[in-house]
Amino acid sequence: MSNVSNRHAVVPFVAGTSKPFAEQRLARAGFKLTEKMKQAGKTALPSVCASVPTIDPAAVEVFTAELMPHLVAMLEKAQDEILRSKYESSGGTCTELTDEEISIPNCIAFMNAESAGSRLSVELIGAWFDAALTDNLTVLIADKLGFDLSTAEQEVTVSKHVKNHRDVLCMLAGKNVILAPRQSAAVQNMLELAEEDAVHQKLSAKLTALMGKKEEEFLI
């Protein structure tokens, strides 16, 4: 690989070892062995990579007109996935989709969530909780406890309750997690307090998938 030439060497990709040169990115191509290839006695090509220059946003703007059809197609695909997520999270009862739900800002939010990882992570859920739920839950819990948050003791108590809710929501990051009925209800109540966005849709879909499981074990 070279960072001074307009030619960039293609070399074997080694996980954890292959790195791009300074101010470049690592382009990678991976290949899978399909069932059809197995039956034909073929093997998959080895994964390879190349250190290439990063794309300059200013250069992208020059080709905006040519890129526009692809950008529109990308947004349309995001709208399709938002519809799929909403329909799945509703258990097949969804009958309408609003302009706001498939707006460009919401499509961008959905794609940001996708780029952060298709699987919900503790970090992603925690960050979403902090931004979308902490304030609302703080007010709601304080009101239920009869607190006005005028003392440090009250703030500590409410913060503990908020953290407990955060921990329950983060359980959705688990692969084989099974929620108790009270935990499922708590998650449902939390989702009702937050505005619907890409992460909300993923959480709703995950909750729906978990609702049918029996209360056999709890993974935290």
Protein backbone atom coordinates (compact mmCIF):
# COMPACT_ATOMS: atom_id res chain seq x y z
CA MET A 1 0.00 0.00 0.00
CA SER A 2 1.23 3.49 -0.76
CA ASN A 3 0.23 6.94 0.47
CA VAL A 4 2.33 8.86 -2.05
CA SER A 5 1.29 7.23 -5.33
CA ASN A 6 -1.95 7.18 -7.31
CA ARG A 7 -1.66 3.39 -7.25
CA HIS A 8 -2.69 1.55 -4.09
CA ALA A 9 -1.56 -1.98 -3.40
CA VAL A 10 -4.23 -4.61 -2.80
CA VAL A 11 -3.06 -6.89 0.01
CA PRO A 12 -4.58 -9.64 2.21
CA PHE A 13 -6.85 -8.30 4.94
CA VAL A 14 -5.87 -9.37 8.46
CA ALA A 15 -8.41 -8.51 11.17
CA GLY A 16 -6.89 -6.34 13.90
CA THR A 17 -3.69 -5.88 11.93
CA SER A 18 -4.50 -4.23 8.60
CA LYS A 19 -4.46 -0.44 8.98
CA PRO A 20 -4.69 2.51 6.57
CA PHE A 21 -1.90 5.03 6.17
CA ALA A 22 -2.23 8.42 7.87
CA GLU A 23 -5.12 10.50 6.51
CA GLN A 24 -6.35 7.57 4.44
CA ARG A 25 -9.03 4.95 4.93
CA LEU A 26 -8.97 1.19 4.57
CA ALA A 27 -11.01 -0.09 1.64
CA ARG A 28 -11.93 -3.73 2.23
CA ALA A 29 -13.48 -6.51 0.15
CA GLY A 30 -14.67 -9.68 1.85
CA PHE A 31 -15.96 -12.82 0.18
CA LYS A 32 -18.27 -15.54 1.52
CA LEU A 33 -18.45 -19.19 0.60
CA THR A 34 -21.99 -19.83 -0.67
CA GLU A 35 -23.80 -23.15 -0.66
CA LYS A 36 -23.71 -23.15 -4.46
CA MET A 37 -19.93 -22.73 -4.39
CA LYS A 38 -19.59 -25.58 -1.91
CA GLN A 39 -21.60 -27.88 -4.15
CA ALA A 40 -19.38 -26.91 -7.09
CA GLY A 41 -16.26 -27.63 -5.05
CA LYS A 42 -15.14 -24.01 -5.15
CA THR A 43 -13.58 -21.91 -2.39
CA ALA A 44 -14.17 -18.29 -1.49
CA LEU A 45 -11.64 -15.66 -2.49
CA PRO A 46 -9.53 -14.35 0.41
CA SER A 47 -10.45 -10.99 1.94
CA VAL A 48 -8.30 -8.11 0.71
CA CYS A 49 -7.81 -4.43 1.50
CA ALA A 50 -6.11 -1.29 0.24
CA SER A 51 -5.19 2.00 1.88
CA VAL A 52 -6.87 4.70 -0.21
CA PRO A 53 -7.31 8.48 0.10
CA THR A 54 -10.38 9.66 1.98
CA ILE A 55 -13.09 11.29 -0.10
CA ASP A 56 -13.09 15.09 0.07
CA PRO A 57 -16.64 16.40 0.76
CA ALA A 58 -15.86 19.41 -1.43
CA ALA A 59 -15.18 17.06 -4.33
CA VAL A 60 -18.54 15.35 -3.72
CA GLU A 61 -20.35 18.67 -4.12
CA VAL A 62 -18.93 19.01 -7.62
CA PHE A 63 -20.86 15.87 -8.64
CA THR A 64 -24.10 16.65 -6.79
CA ALA A 65 -26.23 16.48 -9.95
CA GLU A 66 -24.82 13.09 -10.95
CA LEU A 67 -25.16 11.76 -7.41
CA MET A 68 -28.71 13.01 -6.87
CA PRO A 69 -30.49 9.91 -8.29
CA HIS A 70 -28.41 7.70 -6.00
CA LEU A 71 -29.06 9.93 -2.99
CA VAL A 72 -32.79 9.81 -3.67
CA ALA A 73 -32.63 6.01 -4.00
CA MET A 74 -30.76 5.80 -0.69
CA LEU A 75 -33.44 7.89 1.04
CA GLU A 76 -36.21 5.81 -0.53
CA LYS A 77 -34.56 2.65 0.79
CA ALA A 78 -34.43 4.21 4.26
CA GLN A 79 -38.16 5.01 3.98
CA ASP A 80 -38.84 1.38 3.07
CA GLU A 81 -36.91 0.21 6.14
CA ILE A 82 -38.73 2.70 8.38
CA LEU A 83 -42.04 1.28 7.12
CA ARG A 84 -40.82 -2.28 7.71
CA SER A 85 -39.64 -1.42 11.23
CA LYS A 86 -42.87 0.36 12.14
CA TYR A 87 -45.06 -2.45 10.77
CA GLU A 88 -43.03 -5.12 12.59
CA SER A 89 -42.99 -3.19 15.86
CA SER A 90 -46.79 -2.85 15.68
CA GLY A 91 -47.19 -6.59 15.34
CA GLY A 92 -48.72 -6.14 11.90
CA THR A 93 -51.43 -3.70 12.99
CA CYS A 94 -49.93 -0.49 11.52
CA THR A 95 -52.31 1.10 9.00
CA GLU A 96 -50.68 4.45 8.24
CA LEU A 97 -47.34 6.21 7.81
CA THR A 98 -46.93 9.95 8.33
CA ASP A 99 -44.86 12.41 6.29
CA GLU A 100 -42.86 13.22 9.42
CA GLU A 101 -41.92 9.58 9.98
CA ILE A 102 -40.44 9.29 6.48
CA SER A 103 -39.05 12.83 6.28
CA ILE A 104 -35.45 13.37 5.22
CA PRO A 105 -34.33 14.22 8.81
CA ASN A 106 -35.88 10.99 10.10
CA CYS A 107 -34.32 9.03 7.22
CA ILE A 108 -30.95 10.49 8.18
CA ALA A 109 -31.53 9.54 11.81
CA PHE A 110 -32.45 6.01 10.72
CA MET A 111 -29.32 5.68 8.58
CA ASN A 112 -27.19 7.03 11.44
CA ALA A 113 -28.59 4.33 13.68
CA GLU A 114 -27.92 1.72 10.98
CA SER A 115 -24.32 2.87 10.57
CA ALA A 116 -23.83 2.62 14.33
CA GLY A 117 -24.61 -1.06 13.99
CA SER A 118 -27.61 -3.08 12.95
CA ARG A 119 -27.63 -4.75 16.37
CA LEU A 120 -28.67 -2.58 19.26
CA SER A 121 -25.74 -2.03 21.62
CA VAL A 122 -25.71 -0.96 25.26
CA GLU A 123 -23.85 2.20 24.22
CA LEU A 124 -26.39 3.10 21.52
CA ILE A 125 -29.40 2.46 23.78
CA GLY A 126 -27.81 4.32 26.70
CA ALA A 127 -27.00 7.37 24.59
CA TRP A 128 -30.54 7.38 23.17
CA PHE A 129 -32.03 7.06 26.67
CA ASP A 130 -29.94 9.99 27.93
CA ALA A 131 -31.09 12.21 25.07
CA ALA A 132 -34.71 11.11 24.70
CA LEU A 133 -35.91 9.94 28.11
CA THR A 134 -33.88 11.20 31.06
CA ASP A 135 -35.62 14.56 31.40
CA ASN A 136 -39.14 13.19 30.98
CA LEU A 137 -38.55 10.30 33.36
CA THR A 138 -37.00 12.56 35.98
CA VAL A 139 -40.10 14.74 36.03
CA LEU A 140 -42.49 11.77 35.96
CA ILE A 141 -40.73 9.84 38.75
CA ALA A 142 -40.37 12.91 40.93
CA ASP A 143 -44.08 13.61 40.54
CA LYS A 144 -45.03 10.03 41.47
CA LEU A 145 -42.84 10.19 44.57
CA GLY A 146 -44.25 13.58 45.55
CA PHE A 147 -40.83 15.21 45.22
CA ASP A 148 -40.11 18.73 44.06
CA LEU A 149 -36.39 17.98 43.73
CA SER A 150 -35.59 20.72 46.19
CA THR A 151 -33.08 18.64 48.16
CA ALA A 152 -30.01 16.61 47.28
CA GLU A 153 -31.60 13.53 48.85
CA GLN A 154 -34.59 13.76 46.52
CA GLU A 155 -32.34 14.19 43.49
CA VAL A 156 -30.29 11.13 44.46
CA THR A 157 -33.43 9.01 44.93
CA VAL A 158 -34.91 10.06 41.60
CA SER A 159 -31.57 9.54 39.83
CA LYS A 160 -31.45 5.97 41.14
CA HIS A 161 -34.91 5.27 39.76
CA VAL A 162 -33.96 6.80 36.40
CA LYS A 163 -30.82 4.64 36.29
CA ASN A 164 -32.88 1.53 37.04
CA HIS A 165 -35.09 2.34 34.06
CA ARG A 166 -32.01 2.93 31.90
CA ASP A 167 -30.58 -0.44 32.92
CA VAL A 168 -33.82 -2.22 32.02
CA LEU A 169 -33.94 -0.57 28.60
CA CYS A 170 -30.30 -1.47 27.95
CA MET A 171 -31.23 -5.12 28.49
CA LEU A 172 -32.64 -5.02 24.96
CA ALA A 173 -29.05 -5.09 23.69
CA GLY A 174 -28.76 -8.72 24.85
CA LYS A 175 -28.91 -11.50 22.27
CA ASN A 176 -30.94 -13.99 24.30
CA VAL A 177 -32.55 -11.71 26.86
CA ILE A 178 -35.99 -12.58 28.22
CA LEU A 179 -37.92 -9.83 29.97
CA ALA A 180 -40.26 -10.35 32.90
CA PRO A 181 -43.78 -8.98 32.31
CA ARG A 182 -43.11 -6.02 34.61
CA GLN A 183 -39.91 -5.23 32.69
CA SER A 184 -41.69 -5.43 29.35
CA ALA A 185 -44.35 -3.09 30.69
CA ALA A 186 -41.67 -0.69 31.92
CA VAL A 187 -39.99 -0.63 28.49
CA GLN A 188 -43.34 -0.08 26.77
CA ASN A 189 -44.10 2.83 29.09
CA MET A 190 -40.69 4.36 28.42
CA LEU A 191 -41.14 4.12 24.66
CA GLU A 192 -44.49 5.87 24.95
CA LEU A 193 -42.72 8.82 26.61
CA ALA A 194 -40.24 9.32 23.77
CA GLU A 195 -40.69 10.66 20.27
CA GLU A 196 -40.48 8.05 17.52
CA ASP A 197 -37.21 7.95 15.64
CA ALA A 198 -34.93 5.28 14.16
CA VAL A 199 -33.66 3.95 17.50
CA HIS A 200 -37.17 4.04 18.95
CA GLN A 201 -38.35 1.87 16.06
CA LYS A 202 -35.55 -0.64 16.62
CA LEU A 203 -36.35 -0.83 20.34
CA SER A 204 -40.05 -1.27 19.63
CA ALA A 205 -39.33 -4.06 17.15
CA LYS A 206 -37.02 -5.79 19.65
CA LEU A 207 -39.61 -5.52 22.42
CA THR A 208 -42.30 -6.98 20.17
CA ALA A 209 -40.02 -9.91 19.37
CA LEU A 210 -39.42 -10.54 23.06
CA MET A 211 -43.01 -10.23 24.25
CA GLY A 212 -43.87 -13.79 23.25
CA LYS A 213 -41.04 -15.41 25.19
CA LYS A 214 -41.69 -17.17 28.48
CA GLU A 215 -40.26 -15.89 31.71
CA GLU A 216 -37.54 -18.52 32.14
CA GLU A 217 -34.39 -16.56 32.83
CA PHE A 218 -33.26 -12.95 32.98
CA LEU A 219 -30.03 -11.78 31.38
CA ILE A 220 -28.86 -8.36 32.48
